[in-house]
């Protein structure tokens, strides 16, 4: 019985190793992960294509096409989503008003418009849904 268990265990181990080898990330996946990491660390800043290209040592048009092919969204869309997720976190955890949040995220004039386009409601109506102590 022990030999059978050992054989089954070895079979599962071989299958796992084979699946890991098949799932190795491609160069495009690695580039997309690096782009997402860059965008995450620069989510409080306006997007800069030249800064991204310089940080990854690759042409921006290549980065943009690769990211779109892998993720299905543009780099700017991903950056906007990250910034708005950061805004949601600030709304939930701080007693900041909307203009302070928009200033922190680098949206001086059009934060409400971008927020409403993404979430379907204005930031002020979203903010009213949460209890915020004074």
Protein backbone atom coordinates (compact mmCIF):
# COMPACT_ATOMS: atom_id res chain seq x y z
CA UNK A 1 0.00 0.00 0.00
CA UNK A 2 2.85 2.37 0.81
CA UNK A 3 4.43 1.77 -2.62
CA UNK A 4 1.16 2.60 -4.33
CA UNK A 5 0.86 5.83 -2.37
CA UNK A 6 4.43 6.71 -3.22
CA UNK A 7 3.79 6.01 -6.91
CA UNK A 8 0.68 8.17 -6.89
CA UNK A 9 2.57 10.94 -5.11
CA UNK A 10 5.37 10.77 -7.73
CA UNK A 11 2.78 10.90 -10.50
CA UNK A 12 1.20 14.02 -9.00
CA UNK A 13 4.61 15.59 -8.55
CA UNK A 14 5.50 14.91 -12.20
CA UNK A 15 2.19 16.37 -13.36
CA UNK A 16 2.71 19.46 -11.25
CA UNK A 17 6.22 20.00 -12.58
CA UNK A 18 5.00 19.57 -16.16
CA UNK A 19 2.23 22.14 -15.63
CA UNK A 20 4.70 24.61 -14.10
CA UNK A 21 6.96 24.27 -17.13
CA UNK A 22 4.02 24.90 -19.46
CA UNK A 23 2.94 27.98 -17.50
CA UNK A 24 6.27 29.79 -17.71
CA UNK A 25 5.59 33.40 -18.39
CA UNK A 26 6.41 34.79 -21.78
CA UNK A 27 8.37 37.96 -22.33
CA UNK A 28 5.11 39.83 -22.95
CA UNK A 29 3.73 38.70 -19.58
CA UNK A 30 6.88 39.84 -17.84
CA UNK A 31 6.73 43.23 -19.55
CA UNK A 32 3.08 43.64 -18.55
CA UNK A 33 3.90 42.80 -14.94
CA UNK A 34 6.72 45.34 -14.95
CA UNK A 35 4.38 47.97 -16.40
CA UNK A 36 1.77 47.27 -13.72
CA UNK A 37 4.42 47.49 -11.01
CA UNK A 38 5.61 50.81 -12.41
CA UNK A 39 2.07 52.17 -12.62
CA UNK A 40 1.35 51.04 -9.06
CA UNK A 41 4.38 52.85 -7.71
CA UNK A 42 3.47 56.01 -9.68
CA UNK A 43 -0.30 55.96 -9.14
CA UNK A 44 -0.33 59.37 -7.44
CA UNK A 45 1.30 61.08 -10.40
CA UNK A 46 0.04 62.04 -13.83
CA UNK A 47 0.95 59.46 -16.46
CA UNK A 48 4.19 59.96 -18.36
CA UNK A 49 4.89 57.74 -21.36
CA UNK A 50 8.50 58.90 -21.58
CA UNK A 51 9.14 58.11 -17.91
CA UNK A 52 7.68 54.62 -18.32
CA UNK A 53 9.72 53.94 -21.46
CA UNK A 54 12.89 55.18 -19.78
CA UNK A 55 12.25 53.12 -16.64
CA UNK A 56 11.79 49.91 -18.65
CA UNK A 57 14.38 50.71 -21.32
CA UNK A 58 11.90 49.96 -24.10
CA UNK A 59 10.07 51.92 -26.76
CA UNK A 60 6.68 53.19 -25.56
CA UNK A 61 4.79 52.03 -28.66
CA UNK A 62 6.13 48.51 -28.15
CA UNK A 63 5.19 48.65 -24.46
CA UNK A 64 1.72 49.92 -25.27
CA UNK A 65 1.01 47.28 -27.95
CA UNK A 66 2.35 44.46 -25.76
CA UNK A 67 0.36 45.57 -22.73
CA UNK A 68 -2.84 45.89 -24.76
CA UNK A 69 -2.36 42.41 -26.27
CA UNK A 70 -1.75 40.76 -22.88
CA UNK A 71 -4.27 42.62 -20.70
CA UNK A 72 -6.89 43.86 -23.15
CA UNK A 73 -6.65 47.43 -21.89
CA UNK A 74 -4.40 50.35 -22.64
CA UNK A 75 -1.69 51.51 -20.28
CA UNK A 76 -3.55 54.75 -19.66
CA UNK A 77 -6.75 52.87 -18.77
CA UNK A 78 -4.80 50.72 -16.30
CA UNK A 79 -3.18 53.80 -14.79
CA UNK A 80 -6.55 55.52 -14.44
CA UNK A 81 -8.03 52.44 -12.74
CA UNK A 82 -5.13 52.31 -10.28
CA UNK A 83 -5.48 56.01 -9.49
CA UNK A 84 -9.22 55.69 -8.91
CA UNK A 85 -8.73 52.63 -6.71
CA UNK A 86 -6.32 54.74 -4.68
CA UNK A 87 -8.99 57.44 -4.52
CA UNK A 88 -11.53 54.92 -3.25
CA UNK A 89 -9.11 53.81 -0.55
CA UNK A 90 -8.59 57.43 0.50
CA UNK A 91 -12.34 58.04 0.58
CA UNK A 92 -12.91 55.03 2.80
CA UNK A 93 -10.09 55.58 5.23
CA UNK A 94 -9.59 59.34 5.56
CA UNK A 95 -11.71 62.34 6.32
CA UNK A 96 -10.40 64.17 3.28
CA UNK A 97 -12.78 66.08 1.08
CA UNK A 98 -12.99 65.44 -2.63
CA UNK A 99 -10.79 68.34 -3.67
CA UNK A 100 -8.01 67.15 -1.33
CA UNK A 101 -8.23 63.65 -2.77
CA UNK A 102 -8.14 64.97 -6.33
CA UNK A 103 -5.10 67.10 -5.49
CA UNK A 104 -3.29 64.12 -3.96
CA UNK A 105 -3.91 62.07 -7.08
CA UNK A 106 -2.90 64.79 -9.51
CA UNK A 107 -6.41 65.42 -10.86
CA UNK A 108 -6.73 69.15 -10.24
CA UNK A 109 -9.80 69.83 -12.41
CA UNK A 110 -11.44 66.74 -13.84
CA UNK A 111 -11.43 64.17 -11.03
CA UNK A 112 -15.22 64.13 -10.69
CA UNK A 113 -15.70 63.59 -14.42
CA UNK A 114 -13.23 60.67 -14.54
CA UNK A 115 -14.70 59.15 -11.38
CA UNK A 116 -18.25 59.34 -12.68
CA UNK A 117 -17.24 57.87 -16.03
CA UNK A 118 -15.58 54.91 -14.30
CA UNK A 119 -18.05 54.20 -11.49
CA UNK A 120 -21.32 55.68 -12.76
CA UNK A 121 -21.80 58.10 -9.86
CA UNK A 122 -20.16 61.25 -8.62
CA UNK A 123 -17.50 61.09 -5.91
CA UNK A 124 -19.71 63.06 -3.52
CA UNK A 125 -22.60 60.59 -3.81
CA UNK A 126 -20.15 57.71 -3.39
CA UNK A 127 -18.66 59.40 -0.35
CA UNK A 128 -22.09 59.77 1.28
CA UNK A 129 -22.41 55.98 1.39
CA UNK A 130 -19.73 55.73 4.08
CA UNK A 131 -19.85 56.83 7.69
CA UNK A 132 -16.94 59.12 8.31
CA UNK A 133 -16.21 60.27 11.86
CA UNK A 134 -15.41 63.92 12.40
